């Protein structure tokens, strides 16, 4: 459904507060919130929970495996699920267990 993720995405004030809290909890050496994107581990477009802190995490922007690379994976999995090439449960499990391994497997 077009526009679904926009309609369920939590407000920025919620994710910004959560990002700062999680950066402290995870003990990241770099504590500048601008260097992270508060990202959904299981993306909204394949049914990830929009506002559950267990599905949100501060993803570094300045690394080889950054938010842009994960976005590529999210789009690729979304398309493959919609096309019937990857079962929904498989996509969710793969990205939740190890998104970098999933990237290497599903992004062509």
PDB file of N, CA and C in Angstrom:
ATOM      1  N   UNK A   1       0.839  -1.170   0.000  1.00  0.00           N
ATOM      2  CA  UNK A   1       0.000   0.000   0.000  1.00  0.00           C
ATOM      3  C   UNK A   1       0.893   1.245   0.000  1.00  0.00           C
ATOM      4  N   UNK A   2       0.728   2.051  -0.999  1.00  0.00           N
ATOM      5  CA  UNK A   2       1.526   3.267  -1.135  1.00  0.00           C
ATOM      6  C   UNK A   2       1.271   4.197   0.055  1.00  0.00           C
ATOM      7  N   UNK A   3       2.355   4.684   0.646  1.00  0.00           N
ATOM      8  CA  UNK A   3       2.259   5.615   1.757  1.00  0.00           C
ATOM      9  C   UNK A   3       2.123   4.969   3.125  1.00  0.00           C
ATOM     10  N   UNK A   4       2.132   3.624   3.172  1.00  0.00           N
ATOM     11  CA  UNK A   4       1.945   2.929   4.442  1.00  0.00           C
ATOM     12  C   UNK A   4       3.019   3.307   5.457  1.00  0.00           C
ATOM     13  N   UNK A   5       4.289   3.216   5.065  1.00  0.00           N
ATOM     14  CA  UNK A   5       5.352   3.445   6.042  1.00  0.00           C
ATOM     15  C   UNK A   5       5.296   4.868   6.601  1.00  0.00           C
ATOM     16  N   UNK A   6       4.956   5.808   5.759  1.00  0.00           N
ATOM     17  CA  UNK A   6       4.839   7.197   6.230  1.00  0.00           C
ATOM     18  C   UNK A   6       3.713   7.328   7.252  1.00  0.00           C
ATOM     19  N   UNK A   7       2.662   6.553   7.071  1.00  0.00           N
ATOM     20  CA  UNK A   7       1.503   6.663   7.964  1.00  0.00           C
ATOM     21  C   UNK A   7       1.747   6.028   9.335  1.00  0.00           C
ATOM     22  N   UNK A   8       2.713   5.109   9.444  1.00  0.00           N
ATOM     23  CA  UNK A   8       2.955   4.429  10.726  1.00  0.00           C
ATOM     24  C   UNK A   8       4.285   4.817  11.377  1.00  0.00           C
ATOM     25  N   UNK A   9       5.108   5.546  10.652  1.00  0.00           N
ATOM     26  CA  UNK A   9       6.422   5.930  11.183  1.00  0.00           C
ATOM     27  C   UNK A   9       6.237   6.770  12.446  1.00  0.00           C
ATOM     28  N   UNK A  10       6.992   6.454  13.517  1.00  0.00           N
ATOM     29  CA  UNK A  10       6.849   7.238  14.750  1.00  0.00           C
ATOM     30  C   UNK A  10       7.366   8.661  14.557  1.00  0.00           C
ATOM     31  N   UNK A  11       6.865   9.587  15.373  1.00  0.00           N
ATOM     32  CA  UNK A  11       7.312  10.980  15.230  1.00  0.00           C
ATOM     33  C   UNK A  11       8.799  11.138  15.537  1.00  0.00           C
ATOM     34  N   UNK A  12       9.397  12.130  14.912  1.00  0.00           N
ATOM     35  CA  UNK A  12      10.834  12.355  15.043  1.00  0.00           C
ATOM     36  C   UNK A  12      11.234  12.673  16.483  1.00  0.00           C
ATOM     37  N   UNK A  13      10.376  13.346  17.236  1.00  0.00           N
ATOM     38  CA  UNK A  13      10.753  13.650  18.621  1.00  0.00           C
ATOM     39  C   UNK A  13      10.873  12.359  19.442  1.00  0.00           C
ATOM     40  N   UNK A  14      10.063  11.356  19.125  1.00  0.00           N
ATOM     41  CA  UNK A  14      10.161  10.055  19.805  1.00  0.00           C
ATOM     42  C   UNK A  14      11.471   9.356  19.430  1.00  0.00           C
ATOM     43  N   UNK A  15      11.760   9.274  18.133  1.00  0.00           N
ATOM     44  CA  UNK A  15      12.967   8.548  17.701  1.00  0.00           C
ATOM     45  C   UNK A  15      14.246   9.279  18.109  1.00  0.00           C
ATOM     46  N   UNK A  16      14.225  10.615  18.125  1.00  0.00           N
ATOM     47  CA  UNK A  16      15.420  11.356  18.543  1.00  0.00           C
ATOM     48  C   UNK A  16      15.737  11.111  20.019  1.00  0.00           C
ATOM     49  N   UNK A  17      14.718  11.117  20.872  1.00  0.00           N
ATOM     50  CA  UNK A  17      14.928  10.829  22.301  1.00  0.00           C
ATOM     51  C   UNK A  17      15.435   9.403  22.487  1.00  0.00           C
ATOM     52  N   UNK A  18      14.820   8.468  21.776  1.00  0.00           N
ATOM     53  CA  UNK A  18      15.219   7.065  21.881  1.00  0.00           C
ATOM     54  C   UNK A  18      16.649   6.872  21.396  1.00  0.00           C
ATOM     55  N   UNK A  19      17.006   7.534  20.306  1.00  0.00           N
ATOM     56  CA  UNK A  19      18.362   7.414  19.760  1.00  0.00           C
ATOM     57  C   UNK A  19      19.395   7.866  20.787  1.00  0.00           C
ATOM     58  N   UNK A  20      19.177   9.002  21.413  1.00  0.00           N
ATOM     59  CA  UNK A  20      20.126   9.509  22.420  1.00  0.00           C
ATOM     60  C   UNK A  20      20.237   8.531  23.591  1.00  0.00           C
ATOM     61  N   UNK A  21      19.110   8.005  24.035  1.00  0.00           N
ATOM     62  CA  UNK A  21      19.099   7.048  25.148  1.00  0.00           C
ATOM     63  C   UNK A  21      19.859   5.774  24.764  1.00  0.00           C
ATOM     64  N   UNK A  22      19.605   5.255  23.579  1.00  0.00           N
ATOM     65  CA  UNK A  22      20.255   4.019  23.146  1.00  0.00           C
ATOM     66  C   UNK A  22      21.751   4.209  22.912  1.00  0.00           C
ATOM     67  N   UNK A  23      22.154   5.354  22.412  1.00  0.00           N
ATOM     68  CA  UNK A  23      23.589   5.623  22.221  1.00  0.00           C
ATOM     69  C   UNK A  23      24.298   5.514  23.567  1.00  0.00           C
ATOM     70  N   UNK A  24      23.693   6.071  24.609  1.00  0.00           N
ATOM     71  CA  UNK A  24      24.272   5.959  25.964  1.00  0.00           C
ATOM     72  C   UNK A  24      24.249   4.509  26.438  1.00  0.00           C
ATOM     73  N   UNK A  25      23.102   3.835  26.290  1.00  0.00           N
ATOM     74  CA  UNK A  25      22.958   2.456  26.769  1.00  0.00           C
ATOM     75  C   UNK A  25      23.928   1.503  26.062  1.00  0.00           C
ATOM     76  N   UNK A  26      24.140   1.693  24.769  1.00  0.00           N
ATOM     77  CA  UNK A  26      25.031   0.817  24.014  1.00  0.00           C
ATOM     78  C   UNK A  26      26.497   1.140  24.275  1.00  0.00           C
ATOM     79  N   UNK A  27      26.771   2.287  24.881  1.00  0.00           N
ATOM     80  CA  UNK A  27      28.137   2.664  25.208  1.00  0.00           C
ATOM     81  C   UNK A  27      28.980   3.053  24.004  1.00  0.00           C
ATOM     82  N   UNK A  28      28.366   3.607  22.974  1.00  0.00           N
ATOM     83  CA  UNK A  28      29.127   4.027  21.799  1.00  0.00           C
ATOM     84  C   UNK A  28      30.128   5.112  22.172  1.00  0.00           C
ATOM     85  N   UNK A  29      31.343   4.996  21.681  1.00  0.00           N
ATOM     86  CA  UNK A  29      32.371   6.007  21.935  1.00  0.00           C
ATOM     87  C   UNK A  29      31.963   7.345  21.317  1.00  0.00           C
ATOM     88  N   UNK A  30      31.404   7.310  20.123  1.00  0.00           N
ATOM     89  CA  UNK A  30      30.905   8.509  19.458  1.00  0.00           C
ATOM     90  C   UNK A  30      29.473   8.727  19.936  1.00  0.00           C
ATOM     91  N   UNK A  31      29.254   9.755  20.716  1.00  0.00           N
ATOM     92  CA  UNK A  31      27.920   9.988  21.276  1.00  0.00           C
ATOM     93  C   UNK A  31      27.152  11.099  20.566  1.00  0.00           C
ATOM     94  N   UNK A  32      27.636  11.536  19.409  1.00  0.00           N
ATOM     95  CA  UNK A  32      26.956  12.586  18.650  1.00  0.00           C
ATOM     96  C   UNK A  32      25.780  11.979  17.878  1.00  0.00           C
ATOM     97  N   UNK A  33      24.551  12.319  18.260  1.00  0.00           N
ATOM     98  CA  UNK A  33      23.380  11.717  17.599  1.00  0.00           C
ATOM     99  C   UNK A  33      23.312  11.988  16.091  1.00  0.00           C
ATOM    100  N   UNK A  34      23.979  13.051  15.636  1.00  0.00           N
ATOM    101  CA  UNK A  34      23.960  13.348  14.189  1.00  0.00           C
ATOM    102  C   UNK A  34      24.704  12.301  13.384  1.00  0.00           C
ATOM    103  N   UNK A  35      25.525  11.502  14.061  1.00  0.00           N
ATOM    104  CA  UNK A  35      26.307  10.473  13.373  1.00  0.00           C
ATOM    105  C   UNK A  35      25.570   9.142  13.279  1.00  0.00           C
ATOM    106  N   UNK A  36      24.287   9.145  13.662  1.00  0.00           N
ATOM    107  CA  UNK A  36      23.483   7.923  13.673  1.00  0.00           C
ATOM    108  C   UNK A  36      22.107   8.186  13.064  1.00  0.00           C
ATOM    109  N   UNK A  37      21.555   7.150  12.510  1.00  0.00           N
ATOM    110  CA  UNK A  37      20.156   7.166  12.067  1.00  0.00           C
ATOM    111  C   UNK A  37      19.408   6.177  12.954  1.00  0.00           C
ATOM    112  N   UNK A  38      18.332   6.624  13.558  1.00  0.00           N
ATOM    113  CA  UNK A  38      17.521   5.699  14.348  1.00  0.00           C
ATOM    114  C   UNK A  38      16.733   4.866  13.342  1.00  0.00           C
ATOM    115  N   UNK A  39      17.094   3.606  13.241  1.00  0.00           N
ATOM    116  CA  UNK A  39      16.613   2.756  12.159  1.00  0.00           C
ATOM    117  C   UNK A  39      15.787   1.594  12.701  1.00  0.00           C
ATOM    118  N   UNK A  40      14.854   1.152  11.892  1.00  0.00           N
ATOM    119  CA  UNK A  40      14.077  -0.048  12.217  1.00  0.00           C
ATOM    120  C   UNK A  40      14.888  -1.268  11.784  1.00  0.00           C
ATOM    121  N   UNK A  41      15.153  -2.164  12.713  1.00  0.00           N
ATOM    122  CA  UNK A  41      15.875  -3.384  12.369  1.00  0.00           C
ATOM    123  C   UNK A  41      15.081  -4.155  11.314  1.00  0.00           C
ATOM    124  N   UNK A  42      13.840  -4.503  11.637  1.00  0.00           N
ATOM    125  CA  UNK A  42      12.943  -5.078  10.625  1.00  0.00           C
ATOM    126  C   UNK A  42      12.185  -3.903  10.035  1.00  0.00           C
ATOM    127  N   UNK A  43      12.400  -3.613   8.773  1.00  0.00           N
ATOM    128  CA  UNK A  43      11.828  -2.411   8.174  1.00  0.00           C
ATOM    129  C   UNK A  43      10.299  -2.416   8.163  1.00  0.00           C
ATOM    130  N   UNK A  44       9.765  -1.222   8.173  1.00  0.00           N
ATOM    131  CA  UNK A  44       8.315  -1.057   8.163  1.00  0.00           C
ATOM    132  C   UNK A  44       7.685  -1.684   6.920  1.00  0.00           C
ATOM    133  N   UNK A  45       8.383  -1.617   5.790  1.00  0.00           N
ATOM    134  CA  UNK A  45       7.789  -2.106   4.542  1.00  0.00           C
ATOM    135  C   UNK A  45       7.663  -3.626   4.474  1.00  0.00           C
ATOM    136  N   UNK A  46       8.248  -4.343   5.457  1.00  0.00           N
ATOM    137  CA  UNK A  46       8.001  -5.790   5.540  1.00  0.00           C
ATOM    138  C   UNK A  46       7.408  -6.151   6.904  1.00  0.00           C
ATOM    139  N   UNK A  47       6.778  -5.167   7.527  1.00  0.00           N
ATOM    140  CA  UNK A  47       6.000  -5.433   8.729  1.00  0.00           C
ATOM    141  C   UNK A  47       6.688  -5.229  10.054  1.00  0.00           C
ATOM    142  N   UNK A  48       7.812  -4.525  10.077  1.00  0.00           N
ATOM    143  CA  UNK A  48       8.483  -4.249  11.339  1.00  0.00           C
ATOM    144  C   UNK A  48       7.644  -3.342  12.225  1.00  0.00           C
ATOM    145  N   UNK A  49       7.766  -3.532  13.533  1.00  0.00           N
ATOM    146  CA  UNK A  49       7.013  -2.714  14.476  1.00  0.00           C
ATOM    147  C   UNK A  49       7.521  -1.278  14.422  1.00  0.00           C
ATOM    148  N   UNK A  50       6.635  -0.312  14.229  1.00  0.00           N
ATOM    149  CA  UNK A  50       7.064   1.068  14.030  1.00  0.00           C
ATOM    150  C   UNK A  50       7.684   1.748  15.248  1.00  0.00           C
ATOM    151  N   UNK A  51       7.185   1.453  16.464  1.00  0.00           N
ATOM    152  CA  UNK A  51       7.665   2.229  17.607  1.00  0.00           C
ATOM    153  C   UNK A  51       8.183   1.396  18.771  1.00  0.00           C
ATOM    154  N   UNK A  52       8.371   0.114  18.566  1.00  0.00           N
ATOM    155  CA  UNK A  52       8.921  -0.746  19.614  1.00  0.00           C
ATOM    156  C   UNK A  52      10.430  -0.509  19.701  1.00  0.00           C
ATOM    157  N   UNK A  53      10.932  -0.085  20.871  1.00  0.00           N
ATOM    158  CA  UNK A  53      12.374   0.161  21.003  1.00  0.00           C
ATOM    159  C   UNK A  53      13.231  -1.055  20.658  1.00  0.00           C
ATOM    160  N   UNK A  54      12.678  -2.258  20.761  1.00  0.00           N
ATOM    161  CA  UNK A  54      13.447  -3.451  20.396  1.00  0.00           C
ATOM    162  C   UNK A  54      13.633  -3.569  18.888  1.00  0.00           C
ATOM    163  N   UNK A  55      12.843  -2.814  18.119  1.00  0.00           N
ATOM    164  CA  UNK A  55      12.975  -2.817  16.667  1.00  0.00           C
ATOM    165  C   UNK A  55      13.647  -1.545  16.155  1.00  0.00           C
ATOM    166  N   UNK A  56      14.096  -0.706  17.052  1.00  0.00           N
ATOM    167  CA  UNK A  56      14.773   0.540  16.684  1.00  0.00           C
ATOM    168  C   UNK A  56      16.165   0.546  17.286  1.00  0.00           C
ATOM    169  N   UNK A  57      17.121   1.068  16.535  1.00  0.00           N
ATOM    170  CA  UNK A  57      18.496   1.117  17.015  1.00  0.00           C
ATOM    171  C   UNK A  57      19.250   2.237  16.308  1.00  0.00           C
ATOM    172  N   UNK A  58      20.249   2.818  16.986  1.00  0.00           N
ATOM    173  CA  UNK A  58      21.044   3.874  16.360  1.00  0.00           C
ATOM    174  C   UNK A  58      22.094   3.266  15.424  1.00  0.00           C
ATOM    175  N   UNK A  59      21.871   3.456  14.150  1.00  0.00           N
ATOM    176  CA  UNK A  59      22.775   2.882  13.150  1.00  0.00           C
ATOM    177  C   UNK A  59      23.794   3.928  12.707  1.00  0.00           C
ATOM    178  N   UNK A  60      25.085   3.608  12.794  1.00  0.00           N
ATOM    179  CA  UNK A  60      26.113   4.573  12.389  1.00  0.00           C
ATOM    180  C   UNK A  60      25.986   4.968  10.921  1.00  0.00           C
ATOM    181  N   UNK A  61      26.173   6.249  10.676  1.00  0.00           N
ATOM    182  CA  UNK A  61      26.153   6.765   9.302  1.00  0.00           C
ATOM    183  C   UNK A  61      27.538   6.671   8.660  1.00  0.00           C
ATOM    184  N   UNK A  62      28.592   6.740   9.477  1.00  0.00           N
ATOM    185  CA  UNK A  62      29.958   6.817   8.968  1.00  0.00           C
ATOM    186  C   UNK A  62      30.689   5.489   9.125  1.00  0.00           C
ATOM    187  N   UNK A  63      30.261   4.506   8.382  1.00  0.00           N
ATOM    188  CA  UNK A  63      30.945   3.218   8.395  1.00  0.00           C
ATOM    189  C   UNK A  63      30.685   2.524   7.059  1.00  0.00           C
ATOM    190  N   UNK A  64      31.413   1.464   6.816  1.00  0.00           N
ATOM    191  CA  UNK A  64      31.192   0.713   5.572  1.00  0.00           C
ATOM    192  C   UNK A  64      29.761   0.181   5.518  1.00  0.00           C
ATOM    193  N   UNK A  65      29.279  -0.319   6.639  1.00  0.00           N
ATOM    194  CA  UNK A  65      27.929  -0.882   6.707  1.00  0.00           C
ATOM    195  C   UNK A  65      27.007   0.141   7.362  1.00  0.00           C
ATOM    196  N   UNK A  66      26.735   1.207   6.631  1.00  0.00           N
ATOM    197  CA  UNK A  66      25.994   2.337   7.155  1.00  0.00           C
ATOM    198  C   UNK A  66      24.502   2.272   6.789  1.00  0.00           C
ATOM    199  N   UNK A  67      23.807   3.301   7.167  1.00  0.00           N
ATOM    200  CA  UNK A  67      22.358   3.366   6.953  1.00  0.00           C
ATOM    201  C   UNK A  67      21.992   3.268   5.469  1.00  0.00           C
ATOM    202  N   UNK A  68      22.792   3.851   4.609  1.00  0.00           N
ATOM    203  CA  UNK A  68      22.490   3.789   3.166  1.00  0.00           C
ATOM    204  C   UNK A  68      22.546   2.352   2.650  1.00  0.00           C
ATOM    205  N   UNK A  69      23.537   1.589   3.107  1.00  0.00           N
ATOM    206  CA  UNK A  69      23.641   0.189   2.676  1.00  0.00           C
ATOM    207  C   UNK A  69      22.457  -0.620   3.190  1.00  0.00           C
ATOM    208  N   UNK A  70      22.046  -0.364   4.427  1.00  0.00           N
ATOM    209  CA  UNK A  70      20.897  -1.091   4.964  1.00  0.00           C
ATOM    210  C   UNK A  70      19.634  -0.707   4.209  1.00  0.00           C
ATOM    211  N   UNK A  71      19.517   0.555   3.816  1.00  0.00           N
ATOM    212  CA  UNK A  71      18.359   0.976   3.012  1.00  0.00           C
ATOM    213  C   UNK A  71      18.297   0.204   1.693  1.00  0.00           C
ATOM    214  N   UNK A  72      19.457  -0.045   1.086  1.00  0.00           N
ATOM    215  CA  UNK A  72      19.498  -0.847  -0.143  1.00  0.00           C
ATOM    216  C   UNK A  72      18.918  -2.239   0.115  1.00  0.00           C
ATOM    217  N   UNK A  73      19.336  -2.843   1.218  1.00  0.00           N
ATOM    218  CA  UNK A  73      18.835  -4.166   1.574  1.00  0.00           C
ATOM    219  C   UNK A  73      17.331  -4.124   1.811  1.00  0.00           C
ATOM    220  N   UNK A  74      16.860  -3.134   2.547  1.00  0.00           N
ATOM    221  CA  UNK A  74      15.430  -3.036   2.842  1.00  0.00           C
ATOM    222  C   UNK A  74      14.610  -2.979   1.561  1.00  0.00           C
ATOM    223  N   UNK A  75      15.051  -2.160   0.606  1.00  0.00           N
ATOM    224  CA  UNK A  75      14.315  -2.038  -0.651  1.00  0.00           C
ATOM    225  C   UNK A  75      14.380  -3.333  -1.452  1.00  0.00           C
ATOM    226  N   UNK A  76      15.559  -3.947  -1.487  1.00  0.00           N
ATOM    227  CA  UNK A  76      15.723  -5.193  -2.223  1.00  0.00           C
ATOM    228  C   UNK A  76      14.831  -6.291  -1.637  1.00  0.00           C
ATOM    229  N   UNK A  77      14.837  -6.436  -0.315  1.00  0.00           N
ATOM    230  CA  UNK A  77      13.984  -7.455   0.311  1.00  0.00           C
ATOM    231  C   UNK A  77      12.508  -7.169   0.076  1.00  0.00           C
ATOM    232  N   UNK A  78      12.132  -5.923   0.191  1.00  0.00           N
ATOM    233  CA  UNK A  78      10.742  -5.530  -0.052  1.00  0.00           C
ATOM    234  C   UNK A  78      10.300  -5.957  -1.459  1.00  0.00           C
ATOM    235  N   UNK A  79      11.115  -5.640  -2.447  1.00  0.00           N
ATOM    236  CA  UNK A  79      10.782  -6.003  -3.832  1.00  0.00           C
ATOM    237  C   UNK A  79      10.724  -7.523  -3.993  1.00  0.00           C
ATOM    238  N   UNK A  80      11.667  -8.241  -3.408  1.00  0.00           N
ATOM    239  CA  UNK A  80      11.697  -9.695  -3.552  1.00  0.00           C
ATOM    240  C   UNK A  80      10.523 -10.361  -2.836  1.00  0.00           C
ATOM    241  N   UNK A  81      10.108  -9.808  -1.707  1.00  0.00           N
ATOM    242  CA  UNK A  81       8.924 -10.333  -1.007  1.00  0.00           C
ATOM    243  C   UNK A  81       7.686 -10.079  -1.867  1.00  0.00           C
ATOM    244  N   UNK A  82       7.547  -8.864  -2.374  1.00  0.00           N
ATOM    245  CA  UNK A  82       6.377  -8.528  -3.199  1.00  0.00           C
ATOM    246  C   UNK A  82       6.306  -9.364  -4.477  1.00  0.00           C
ATOM    247  N   UNK A  83       7.461  -9.675  -5.045  1.00  0.00           N
ATOM    248  CA  UNK A  83       7.519 -10.476  -6.274  1.00  0.00           C
ATOM    249  C   UNK A  83       7.383 -11.976  -6.010  1.00  0.00           C
ATOM    250  N   UNK A  84       7.353 -12.353  -4.727  1.00  0.00           N
ATOM    251  CA  UNK A  84       7.203 -13.762  -4.379  1.00  0.00           C
ATOM    252  C   UNK A  84       8.488 -14.565  -4.442  1.00  0.00           C
ATOM    253  N   UNK A  85       9.630 -13.883  -4.584  1.00  0.00           N
ATOM    254  CA  UNK A  85      10.912 -14.596  -4.660  1.00  0.00           C
ATOM    255  C   UNK A  85      11.469 -14.947  -3.281  1.00  0.00           C
ATOM    256  N   UNK A  86      11.061 -14.205  -2.246  1.00  0.00           N
ATOM    257  CA  UNK A  86      11.518 -14.457  -0.878  1.00  0.00           C
ATOM    258  C   UNK A  86      10.291 -14.450   0.027  1.00  0.00           C
ATOM    259  N   UNK A  87      10.082 -15.514   0.795  1.00  0.00           N
ATOM    260  CA  UNK A  87       8.954 -15.520   1.737  1.00  0.00           C
ATOM    261  C   UNK A  87       9.138 -14.427   2.803  1.00  0.00           C
ATOM    262  N   UNK A  88       8.032 -13.823   3.215  1.00  0.00           N
ATOM    263  CA  UNK A  88       8.063 -12.731   4.181  1.00  0.00           C
ATOM    264  C   UNK A  88       8.794 -13.119   5.462  1.00  0.00           C
ATOM    265  N   UNK A  89       8.479 -14.279   6.012  1.00  0.00           N
ATOM    266  CA  UNK A  89       9.128 -14.703   7.250  1.00  0.00           C
ATOM    267  C   UNK A  89      10.635 -14.871   7.075  1.00  0.00           C
ATOM    268  N   UNK A  90      11.052 -15.360   5.926  1.00  0.00           N
ATOM    269  CA  UNK A  90      12.488 -15.511   5.648  1.00  0.00           C
ATOM    270  C   UNK A  90      13.174 -14.145   5.605  1.00  0.00           C
ATOM    271  N   UNK A  91      12.536 -13.184   4.964  1.00  0.00           N
ATOM    272  CA  UNK A  91      13.108 -11.835   4.869  1.00  0.00           C
ATOM    273  C   UNK A  91      13.251 -11.215   6.250  1.00  0.00           C
ATOM    274  N   UNK A  92      12.212 -11.321   7.059  1.00  0.00           N
ATOM    275  CA  UNK A  92      12.253 -10.750   8.410  1.00  0.00           C
ATOM    276  C   UNK A  92      13.341 -11.409   9.253  1.00  0.00           C
ATOM    277  N   UNK A  93      13.416 -12.719   9.183  1.00  0.00           N
ATOM    278  CA  UNK A  93      14.407 -13.455   9.981  1.00  0.00           C
ATOM    279  C   UNK A  93      15.826 -13.101   9.534  1.00  0.00           C
ATOM    280  N   UNK A  94      16.046 -13.052   8.241  1.00  0.00           N
ATOM    281  CA  UNK A  94      17.391 -12.775   7.718  1.00  0.00           C
ATOM    282  C   UNK A  94      17.884 -11.399   8.158  1.00  0.00           C
ATOM    283  N   UNK A  95      17.046 -10.397   8.048  1.00  0.00           N
ATOM    284  CA  UNK A  95      17.471  -9.035   8.387  1.00  0.00           C
ATOM    285  C   UNK A  95      17.614  -8.865   9.896  1.00  0.00           C
ATOM    286  N   UNK A  96      16.782  -9.563  10.670  1.00  0.00           N
ATOM    287  CA  UNK A  96      16.848  -9.454  12.136  1.00  0.00           C
ATOM    288  C   UNK A  96      18.073 -10.167  12.699  1.00  0.00           C
ATOM    289  N   UNK A  97      18.440 -11.290  12.118  1.00  0.00           N
ATOM    290  CA  UNK A  97      19.564 -12.067  12.649  1.00  0.00           C
ATOM    291  C   UNK A  97      20.918 -11.453  12.321  1.00  0.00           C
ATOM    292  N   UNK A  98      21.090 -11.003  11.076  1.00  0.00           N
ATOM    293  CA  UNK A  98      22.380 -10.444  10.667  1.00  0.00           C
ATOM    294  C   UNK A  98      22.171  -9.706   9.348  1.00  0.00           C
ATOM    295  N   UNK A  99      21.912  -8.415   9.443  1.00  0.00           N
ATOM    296  CA  UNK A  99      21.553  -7.676   8.238  1.00  0.00           C
ATOM    297  C   UNK A  99      22.703  -7.595   7.242  1.00  0.00           C
ATOM    298  N   UNK A 100      23.939  -7.640   7.703  1.00  0.00           N
ATOM    299  CA  UNK A 100      25.071  -7.587   6.770  1.00  0.00           C
ATOM    300  C   UNK A 100      25.147  -8.877   5.958  1.00  0.00           C
ATOM    301  N   UNK A 101      24.963  -9.998   6.607  1.00  0.00           N
ATOM    302  CA  UNK A 101      24.929 -11.284   5.877  1.00  0.00           C
ATOM    303  C   UNK A 101      23.739 -11.284   4.909  1.00  0.00           C
ATOM    304  N   UNK A 102      22.608 -10.748   5.347  1.00  0.00           N
ATOM    305  CA  UNK A 102      21.428 -10.685   4.477  1.00  0.00           C
ATOM    306  C   UNK A 102      21.717  -9.793   3.265  1.00  0.00           C
ATOM    307  N   UNK A 103      22.424  -8.704   3.487  1.00  0.00           N
ATOM    308  CA  UNK A 103      22.795  -7.813   2.373  1.00  0.00           C
ATOM    309  C   UNK A 103      23.592  -8.584   1.330  1.00  0.00           C
ATOM    310  N   UNK A 104      24.578  -9.339   1.808  1.00  0.00           N
ATOM    311  CA  UNK A 104      25.434 -10.091   0.891  1.00  0.00           C
ATOM    312  C   UNK A 104      24.657 -11.162   0.132  1.00  0.00           C
ATOM    313  N   UNK A 105      23.589 -11.638   0.720  1.00  0.00           N
ATOM    314  CA  UNK A 105      22.792 -12.678   0.081  1.00  0.00           C
ATOM    315  C   UNK A 105      21.723 -12.112  -0.856  1.00  0.00           C
ATOM    316  N   UNK A 106      21.040 -11.046  -0.460  1.00  0.00           N
ATOM    317  CA  UNK A 106      19.856 -10.593  -1.175  1.00  0.00           C
ATOM    318  C   UNK A 106      20.031  -9.370  -2.066  1.00  0.00           C
ATOM    319  N   UNK A 107      21.101  -8.607  -1.873  1.00  0.00           N
ATOM    320  CA  UNK A 107      21.288  -7.437  -2.714  1.00  0.00           C
ATOM    321  C   UNK A 107      22.151  -7.830  -3.896  1.00  0.00           C
ATOM    322  N   UNK A 108      21.612  -7.608  -5.065  1.00  0.00           N
ATOM    323  CA  UNK A 108      22.316  -8.032  -6.281  1.00  0.00           C
ATOM    324  C   UNK A 108      22.867  -6.838  -7.015  1.00  0.00           C
TER     325      UNK A 108
END
